[in-house]
Amino acid sequence: MSSPIISVPAGAARARRRPRFPPRHASILAGAGLLGGCDEGGAPAIPFFGAYFPSWLLCALVGIFGAVVVRIIFIRLGIDDVLPARLPVYVCVAAGIGFLAALSAFGR
């Protein structure tokens, strides 16, 4: 038995091949270019006793101190007793104060 011969037009075989560089790879590379991050000036740092500390460390300490102050105020007002989940609330307060400190002091 012989199999039938099927003729395929020349352009049809070329149309079925996968592109050498799929569009999804191009979008991944374009996104990677946008993730360059810091500018040439580097991350903001604070000179402290001859060493440079990252600014986020100072902002985190400001946020923690601010959350402690907010907790003292909440205790005196009686709000602390009715909070359903104290730990997440105070973590969010600390993060919010830290972000505000970073935005106001360093503009980032």
N, C-alpha and C. Protein backbone atom coordinates (compact mmCIF):
# COMPACT_ATOMS: atom_id res chain seq x y z
N MET A 1 0.83 -1.17 0.00
CA MET A 1 0.00 0.00 0.00
C MET A 1 0.88 1.24 0.00
N SER A 2 0.46 2.18 -0.71
CA SER A 2 1.21 3.43 -0.77
C SER A 2 0.38 4.55 -0.17
N SER A 3 1.04 5.48 0.50
CA SER A 3 0.32 6.60 1.11
C SER A 3 0.13 7.70 0.07
N PRO A 4 -0.98 8.39 0.17
CA PRO A 4 -1.22 9.44 -0.81
C PRO A 4 -0.24 10.61 -0.60
N ILE A 5 0.14 11.21 -1.66
CA ILE A 5 1.03 12.36 -1.61
C ILE A 5 0.19 13.62 -1.50
N ILE A 6 0.48 14.39 -0.48
CA ILE A 6 -0.26 15.63 -0.26
C ILE A 6 0.68 16.79 -0.55
N SER A 7 0.26 17.66 -1.39
CA SER A 7 1.10 18.81 -1.70
C SER A 7 0.68 19.99 -0.83
N VAL A 8 1.66 20.65 -0.26
CA VAL A 8 1.43 21.79 0.61
C VAL A 8 2.00 23.01 -0.09
N PRO A 9 1.23 24.08 -0.17
CA PRO A 9 1.77 25.28 -0.79
C PRO A 9 3.00 25.79 -0.02
N ALA A 10 3.90 26.43 -0.68
CA ALA A 10 5.16 26.87 -0.07
C ALA A 10 4.93 27.86 1.07
N GLY A 11 3.98 28.74 0.95
CA GLY A 11 3.72 29.74 2.00
C GLY A 11 3.07 29.16 3.23
N ALA A 12 2.36 28.06 3.13
CA ALA A 12 1.65 27.46 4.27
C ALA A 12 2.62 26.88 5.28
N ALA A 13 3.71 26.29 4.83
CA ALA A 13 4.68 25.71 5.75
C ALA A 13 5.38 26.82 6.54
N ARG A 14 5.62 27.94 5.92
CA ARG A 14 6.27 29.04 6.58
C ARG A 14 5.34 29.69 7.62
N ALA A 15 4.06 29.71 7.37
CA ALA A 15 3.11 30.36 8.27
C ALA A 15 2.93 29.57 9.57
N ARG A 16 3.20 28.26 9.53
CA ARG A 16 2.99 27.45 10.72
C ARG A 16 4.17 27.46 11.67
N ARG A 17 5.32 27.93 11.26
CA ARG A 17 6.48 27.95 12.14
C ARG A 17 6.30 28.97 13.25
N ARG A 18 6.84 28.64 14.39
CA ARG A 18 6.79 29.58 15.52
C ARG A 18 7.77 30.71 15.26
N PRO A 19 7.43 31.90 15.72
CA PRO A 19 8.39 33.00 15.56
C PRO A 19 9.65 32.73 16.39
N ARG A 20 10.76 33.25 15.95
CA ARG A 20 12.02 33.01 16.65
C ARG A 20 12.03 33.68 18.02
N PHE A 21 11.37 34.79 18.14
CA PHE A 21 11.35 35.53 19.40
C PHE A 21 9.89 35.82 19.74
N PRO A 22 9.25 34.97 20.55
CA PRO A 22 7.82 35.15 20.83
C PRO A 22 7.55 36.50 21.50
N PRO A 23 6.39 37.07 21.27
CA PRO A 23 6.05 38.38 21.85
C PRO A 23 6.09 38.40 23.37
N ARG A 24 5.83 37.27 24.02
CA ARG A 24 5.84 37.29 25.49
C ARG A 24 7.25 37.52 26.01
N HIS A 25 8.27 37.03 25.28
CA HIS A 25 9.64 37.29 25.70
C HIS A 25 9.98 38.76 25.55
N ALA A 26 9.46 39.40 24.53
CA ALA A 26 9.70 40.82 24.33
C ALA A 26 9.08 41.63 25.47
N SER A 27 7.89 41.23 25.92
CA SER A 27 7.25 41.96 27.02
C SER A 27 8.00 41.73 28.33
N ILE A 28 8.56 40.55 28.52
CA ILE A 28 9.33 40.29 29.73
C ILE A 28 10.60 41.14 29.74
N LEU A 29 11.27 41.22 28.60
CA LEU A 29 12.48 42.04 28.53
C LEU A 29 12.17 43.53 28.69
N ALA A 30 11.06 43.98 28.14
CA ALA A 30 10.67 45.38 28.30
C ALA A 30 10.36 45.68 29.76
N GLY A 31 9.69 44.75 30.44
CA GLY A 31 9.40 44.93 31.86
C GLY A 31 10.66 44.92 32.71
N ALA A 32 11.62 44.09 32.34
CA ALA A 32 12.88 44.04 33.09
C ALA A 32 13.64 45.35 32.97
N GLY A 33 13.53 46.00 31.84
CA GLY A 33 14.17 47.31 31.67
C GLY A 33 13.57 48.36 32.58
N LEU A 34 12.28 48.23 32.87
CA LEU A 34 11.63 49.20 33.75
C LEU A 34 11.95 48.95 35.22
N LEU A 35 12.48 47.78 35.54
CA LEU A 35 12.78 47.45 36.92
C LEU A 35 14.21 47.84 37.31
N GLY A 36 14.78 48.76 36.59
CA GLY A 36 16.15 49.19 36.86
C GLY A 36 16.31 49.73 38.26
N GLY A 37 15.30 50.39 38.77
CA GLY A 37 15.31 50.80 40.17
C GLY A 37 15.98 52.11 40.45
N CYS A 38 17.02 52.07 41.22
CA CYS A 38 17.65 53.28 41.75
C CYS A 38 18.33 54.08 40.65
N ASP A 39 18.39 55.37 40.89
CA ASP A 39 19.12 56.23 39.97
C ASP A 39 20.60 56.20 40.32
N GLU A 40 21.38 56.97 39.61
CA GLU A 40 22.83 56.94 39.82
C GLU A 40 23.23 57.49 41.18
N GLY A 41 22.38 58.27 41.80
CA GLY A 41 22.70 58.84 43.11
C GLY A 41 22.71 57.81 44.22
N GLY A 42 22.09 56.67 44.00
CA GLY A 42 22.04 55.62 45.02
C GLY A 42 20.88 55.82 45.97
N ALA A 43 20.77 54.92 46.89
CA ALA A 43 19.70 54.98 47.89
C ALA A 43 20.03 56.05 48.92
N PRO A 44 19.00 56.69 49.49
CA PRO A 44 19.30 57.71 50.49
C PRO A 44 19.90 57.09 51.75
N ALA A 45 20.93 57.74 52.26
CA ALA A 45 21.61 57.24 53.45
C ALA A 45 21.84 58.41 54.41
N ILE A 46 21.96 58.08 55.69
CA ILE A 46 22.15 59.07 56.74
C ILE A 46 23.51 58.83 57.38
N PRO A 47 24.40 59.83 57.36
CA PRO A 47 25.68 59.62 58.04
C PRO A 47 25.48 59.67 59.56
N PHE A 48 25.97 58.64 60.23
CA PHE A 48 25.76 58.53 61.68
C PHE A 48 27.02 57.92 62.29
N PHE A 49 27.76 58.68 63.06
CA PHE A 49 29.02 58.24 63.68
C PHE A 49 30.00 57.69 62.65
N GLY A 50 30.09 58.34 61.51
CA GLY A 50 31.05 57.93 60.49
C GLY A 50 30.60 56.81 59.58
N ALA A 51 29.45 56.23 59.82
CA ALA A 51 28.93 55.16 58.97
C ALA A 51 27.64 55.64 58.32
N TYR A 52 27.33 55.08 57.18
CA TYR A 52 26.11 55.47 56.47
C TYR A 52 25.03 54.42 56.69
N PHE A 53 23.93 54.85 57.29
CA PHE A 53 22.81 53.96 57.55
C PHE A 53 21.72 54.25 56.53
N PRO A 54 21.02 53.21 56.07
CA PRO A 54 19.95 53.45 55.11
C PRO A 54 18.81 54.25 55.74
N SER A 55 18.19 55.07 54.93
CA SER A 55 17.13 55.94 55.45
C SER A 55 15.91 55.14 55.92
N TRP A 56 15.68 53.97 55.32
CA TRP A 56 14.50 53.20 55.73
C TRP A 56 14.62 52.75 57.19
N LEU A 57 15.86 52.59 57.66
CA LEU A 57 16.05 52.17 59.05
C LEU A 57 15.58 53.27 59.99
N LEU A 58 15.93 54.50 59.69
CA LEU A 58 15.47 55.62 60.50
C LEU A 58 13.95 55.76 60.42
N CYS A 59 13.40 55.60 59.22
CA CYS A 59 11.94 55.72 59.06
C CYS A 59 11.21 54.60 59.79
N ALA A 60 11.79 53.41 59.84
CA ALA A 60 11.17 52.31 60.59
C ALA A 60 11.16 52.62 62.09
N LEU A 61 12.26 53.17 62.59
CA LEU A 61 12.31 53.53 64.01
C LEU A 61 11.32 54.64 64.33
N VAL A 62 11.19 55.62 63.44
CA VAL A 62 10.20 56.69 63.63
C VAL A 62 8.80 56.10 63.64
N GLY A 63 8.53 55.14 62.74
CA GLY A 63 7.20 54.51 62.69
C GLY A 63 6.90 53.72 63.95
N ILE A 64 7.89 52.99 64.47
CA ILE A 64 7.68 52.22 65.70
C ILE A 64 7.42 53.15 66.88
N PHE A 65 8.22 54.21 66.97
CA PHE A 65 8.02 55.18 68.06
C PHE A 65 6.65 55.84 67.94
N GLY A 66 6.24 56.16 66.71
CA GLY A 66 4.92 56.76 66.49
C GLY A 66 3.79 55.82 66.87
N ALA A 67 3.96 54.52 66.59
CA ALA A 67 2.93 53.55 66.95
C ALA A 67 2.81 53.41 68.46
N VAL A 68 3.94 53.50 69.17
CA VAL A 68 3.90 53.45 70.64
C VAL A 68 3.15 54.67 71.19
N VAL A 69 3.40 55.84 70.61
CA VAL A 69 2.69 57.05 71.04
C VAL A 69 1.19 56.92 70.74
N VAL A 70 0.85 56.41 69.56
CA VAL A 70 -0.57 56.23 69.22
C VAL A 70 -1.21 55.23 70.16
N ARG A 71 -0.50 54.18 70.55
CA ARG A 71 -1.06 53.20 71.49
C ARG A 71 -1.31 53.83 72.85
N ILE A 72 -0.40 54.66 73.32
CA ILE A 72 -0.61 55.35 74.61
C ILE A 72 -1.85 56.24 74.53
N ILE A 73 -1.99 56.94 73.41
CA ILE A 73 -3.18 57.80 73.24
C ILE A 73 -4.44 56.95 73.19
N PHE A 74 -4.40 55.82 72.47
CA PHE A 74 -5.57 54.95 72.39
C PHE A 74 -5.93 54.37 73.76
N ILE A 75 -4.94 54.04 74.58
CA ILE A 75 -5.22 53.50 75.91
C ILE A 75 -5.90 54.56 76.77
N ARG A 76 -5.41 55.77 76.71
CA ARG A 76 -6.02 56.84 77.53
C ARG A 76 -7.42 57.19 77.07
N LEU A 77 -7.70 57.06 75.77
CA LEU A 77 -9.04 57.34 75.27
C LEU A 77 -9.98 56.15 75.39
N GLY A 78 -9.46 54.97 75.74
CA GLY A 78 -10.29 53.77 75.87
C GLY A 78 -10.55 53.06 74.55
N ILE A 79 -9.86 53.45 73.51
CA ILE A 79 -10.06 52.82 72.20
C ILE A 79 -9.32 51.49 72.11
N ASP A 80 -8.22 51.35 72.83
CA ASP A 80 -7.40 50.14 72.76
C ASP A 80 -8.18 48.89 73.19
N ASP A 81 -9.09 49.03 74.14
CA ASP A 81 -9.84 47.88 74.62
C ASP A 81 -10.83 47.33 73.60
N VAL A 82 -11.30 48.17 72.68
CA VAL A 82 -12.32 47.73 71.72
C VAL A 82 -11.73 47.37 70.36
N LEU A 83 -10.42 47.46 70.21
CA LEU A 83 -9.81 47.08 68.93
C LEU A 83 -9.91 45.56 68.76
N PRO A 84 -10.39 45.10 67.60
CA PRO A 84 -10.57 43.66 67.41
C PRO A 84 -9.24 42.91 67.26
N ALA A 85 -8.29 43.48 66.56
CA ALA A 85 -6.99 42.83 66.34
C ALA A 85 -5.92 43.88 66.56
N ARG A 86 -5.37 43.92 67.74
CA ARG A 86 -4.45 45.00 68.09
C ARG A 86 -3.15 44.95 67.31
N LEU A 87 -2.57 43.78 67.19
CA LEU A 87 -1.27 43.69 66.54
C LEU A 87 -1.30 44.18 65.09
N PRO A 88 -2.23 43.70 64.25
CA PRO A 88 -2.26 44.22 62.87
C PRO A 88 -2.54 45.73 62.81
N VAL A 89 -3.36 46.21 63.73
CA VAL A 89 -3.67 47.65 63.73
C VAL A 89 -2.41 48.46 64.03
N TYR A 90 -1.66 48.07 65.03
CA TYR A 90 -0.48 48.84 65.40
C TYR A 90 0.66 48.65 64.40
N VAL A 91 0.74 47.50 63.75
CA VAL A 91 1.72 47.31 62.69
C VAL A 91 1.40 48.23 61.52
N CYS A 92 0.14 48.34 61.17
CA CYS A 92 -0.26 49.23 60.08
C CYS A 92 -0.05 50.70 60.45
N VAL A 93 -0.30 51.05 61.70
CA VAL A 93 -0.03 52.42 62.15
C VAL A 93 1.46 52.71 62.06
N ALA A 94 2.30 51.78 62.50
CA ALA A 94 3.75 51.98 62.42
C ALA A 94 4.21 52.09 60.97
N ALA A 95 3.68 51.25 60.09
CA ALA A 95 4.06 51.32 58.68
C ALA A 95 3.61 52.64 58.06
N GLY A 96 2.40 53.07 58.38
CA GLY A 96 1.90 54.33 57.85
C GLY A 96 2.73 55.52 58.29
N ILE A 97 3.09 55.56 59.56
CA ILE A 97 3.92 56.65 60.07
C ILE A 97 5.31 56.58 59.45
N GLY A 98 5.86 55.39 59.30
CA GLY A 98 7.17 55.24 58.66
C GLY A 98 7.15 55.68 57.20
N PHE A 99 6.09 55.32 56.47
CA PHE A 99 5.98 55.75 55.08
C PHE A 99 5.83 57.26 54.98
N LEU A 100 5.05 57.86 55.87
CA LEU A 100 4.91 59.31 55.87
C LEU A 100 6.23 60.00 56.21
N ALA A 101 7.00 59.42 57.12
CA ALA A 101 8.31 59.98 57.46
C ALA A 101 9.24 59.91 56.25
N ALA A 102 9.23 58.80 55.53
CA ALA A 102 10.08 58.65 54.35
C ALA A 102 9.66 59.61 53.25
N LEU A 103 8.36 59.77 53.07
CA LEU A 103 7.87 60.67 52.03
C LEU A 103 8.18 62.12 52.35
N SER A 104 8.01 62.49 53.61
CA SER A 104 8.24 63.90 53.96
C SER A 104 9.72 64.24 54.06
N ALA A 105 10.55 63.31 54.52
CA ALA A 105 11.97 63.61 54.72
C ALA A 105 12.81 63.39 53.46
N PHE A 106 12.49 62.36 52.69
CA PHE A 106 13.34 62.00 51.56
C PHE A 106 12.63 62.10 50.21
N GLY A 107 11.33 62.32 50.23
CA GLY A 107 10.60 62.45 48.98
C GLY A 107 10.47 61.17 48.19
N ARG A 108 10.57 60.03 48.84
CA ARG A 108 10.46 58.74 48.16
C ARG A 108 9.40 57.90 48.80
